[in-house]
């Protein structure tokens, strides 16, 4: 598993998402930072809720990862982040920048999940 984890961390989509997160943080704009975070957490919530009923118990870290990303508490965190993003008062330029980060994050999350089905 360790070798697989290291390889996954070096995949282009993973590196691109890490860069997106750094760029959003370095922008200093709350809207851009929240846009990326909302996509990441919301997509994991959607995934976690879908796989929870059939998730394996072993290895323990697999089930723990699923449990972390589903349920009422995690759902409340995602709802809070979404509400925070939706409540921001942004200039047109800030809104466009946040939207661009959001859409890029969606594209990268989709590519990340697709990459799970590709040969290493």
Protein backbone atom coordinates (compact mmCIF):
# COMPACT_ATOMS: atom_id res chain seq x y z
CA UNK A 1 0.00 0.00 0.00
CA UNK A 2 2.82 2.41 0.78
CA UNK A 3 4.23 2.20 -2.75
CA UNK A 4 0.74 2.70 -4.21
CA UNK A 5 0.16 5.72 -1.99
CA UNK A 6 3.47 7.28 -3.02
CA UNK A 7 2.67 6.65 -6.69
CA UNK A 8 -0.81 8.13 -6.31
CA UNK A 9 0.66 11.24 -4.68
CA UNK A 10 2.81 11.80 -7.77
CA UNK A 11 0.09 11.41 -10.37
CA UNK A 12 -0.41 14.51 -12.49
CA UNK A 13 -4.00 15.00 -11.33
CA UNK A 14 -2.95 14.84 -7.67
CA UNK A 15 -0.13 17.32 -8.26
CA UNK A 16 -2.51 19.60 -10.16
CA UNK A 17 -5.04 19.56 -7.32
CA UNK A 18 -2.31 20.28 -4.78
CA UNK A 19 -1.22 23.24 -6.91
CA UNK A 20 -4.80 24.47 -7.18
CA UNK A 21 -5.10 24.38 -3.40
CA UNK A 22 -1.82 26.27 -2.98
CA UNK A 23 -2.83 28.85 -5.58
CA UNK A 24 -6.21 29.41 -3.93
CA UNK A 25 -4.56 29.80 -0.52
CA UNK A 26 -1.94 32.16 -1.85
CA UNK A 27 -4.62 34.32 -3.47
CA UNK A 28 -5.72 35.33 0.01
CA UNK A 29 -9.32 35.35 -1.25
CA UNK A 30 -11.78 33.51 0.97
CA UNK A 31 -14.10 32.86 -1.97
CA UNK A 32 -11.38 31.11 -3.95
CA UNK A 33 -10.24 29.07 -0.97
CA UNK A 34 -13.78 28.01 -0.06
CA UNK A 35 -14.58 27.17 -3.69
CA UNK A 36 -11.81 24.57 -3.79
CA UNK A 37 -12.57 23.23 -0.31
CA UNK A 38 -16.30 22.90 -0.99
CA UNK A 39 -15.68 20.86 -4.13
CA UNK A 40 -13.24 18.55 -2.37
CA UNK A 41 -15.38 17.92 0.69
CA UNK A 42 -18.71 17.77 -1.15
CA UNK A 43 -17.38 15.27 -3.67
CA UNK A 44 -16.00 13.09 -0.88
CA UNK A 45 -19.31 13.30 0.97
CA UNK A 46 -21.16 12.20 -2.18
CA UNK A 47 -18.72 9.32 -2.59
CA UNK A 48 -18.77 8.33 1.09
CA UNK A 49 -22.57 8.24 1.27
CA UNK A 50 -22.70 6.08 -1.86
CA UNK A 51 -20.10 3.51 -0.80
CA UNK A 52 -20.82 3.34 2.94
CA UNK A 53 -23.37 0.53 2.66
CA UNK A 54 -20.91 -1.75 0.86
CA UNK A 55 -17.56 -0.60 2.26
CA UNK A 56 -15.28 -3.33 3.54
CA UNK A 57 -14.28 -3.48 7.19
CA UNK A 58 -10.71 -4.53 6.47
CA UNK A 59 -8.24 -3.07 6.09
CA UNK A 60 -9.34 -0.75 8.88
CA UNK A 61 -8.10 2.39 7.14
CA UNK A 62 -10.45 1.77 4.22
CA UNK A 63 -13.55 1.67 6.41
CA UNK A 64 -12.29 4.57 8.51
CA UNK A 65 -11.79 6.69 5.37
CA UNK A 66 -15.36 5.95 4.26
CA UNK A 67 -16.79 6.64 7.74
CA UNK A 68 -14.94 9.95 7.88
CA UNK A 69 -16.65 11.13 4.70
CA UNK A 70 -20.29 10.25 5.38
CA UNK A 71 -22.91 10.63 8.02
CA UNK A 72 -24.68 13.50 9.71
CA UNK A 73 -21.62 15.19 11.18
CA UNK A 74 -19.63 15.29 7.96
CA UNK A 75 -22.77 16.35 6.12
CA UNK A 76 -23.13 19.28 8.52
CA UNK A 77 -19.53 20.32 7.84
CA UNK A 78 -20.13 20.27 4.09
CA UNK A 79 -23.40 22.20 4.51
CA UNK A 80 -21.63 24.77 6.65
CA UNK A 81 -18.88 25.26 4.04
CA UNK A 82 -21.40 25.51 1.21
CA UNK A 83 -23.46 28.03 3.17
CA UNK A 84 -20.38 30.06 3.95
CA UNK A 85 -19.41 30.17 0.28
CA UNK A 86 -22.94 31.06 -0.78
CA UNK A 87 -23.17 33.86 1.79
CA UNK A 88 -20.05 35.72 0.69
CA UNK A 89 -20.49 39.16 -0.79
CA UNK A 90 -18.06 39.23 -3.70
CA UNK A 91 -17.23 41.69 -6.42
CA UNK A 92 -17.82 40.49 -9.96
CA UNK A 93 -14.10 39.81 -10.36
CA UNK A 94 -13.95 37.87 -7.09
CA UNK A 95 -17.02 35.85 -8.04
CA UNK A 96 -15.53 34.97 -11.43
CA UNK A 97 -12.24 33.94 -9.81
CA UNK A 98 -14.05 31.78 -7.25
CA UNK A 99 -16.16 30.21 -10.01
CA UNK A 100 -13.02 29.44 -12.04
CA UNK A 101 -11.40 27.76 -9.03
CA UNK A 102 -14.62 25.82 -8.35
CA UNK A 103 -14.87 24.54 -11.91
CA UNK A 104 -11.17 23.62 -12.03
CA UNK A 105 -11.59 21.71 -8.76
CA UNK A 106 -14.59 19.84 -10.19
CA UNK A 107 -12.57 18.88 -13.28
CA UNK A 108 -9.66 17.68 -11.15
CA UNK A 109 -11.84 15.71 -8.73
CA UNK A 110 -13.49 13.94 -11.65
CA UNK A 111 -10.07 13.16 -13.14
CA UNK A 112 -8.84 11.95 -9.73
CA UNK A 113 -11.68 9.46 -9.37
CA UNK A 114 -11.32 8.38 -13.00
CA UNK A 115 -7.61 7.77 -12.41
CA UNK A 116 -8.49 5.19 -9.76
CA UNK A 117 -9.64 2.92 -12.57
CA UNK A 118 -6.54 3.39 -14.70
CA UNK A 119 -3.51 1.16 -14.58
CA UNK A 120 -0.62 2.78 -12.68
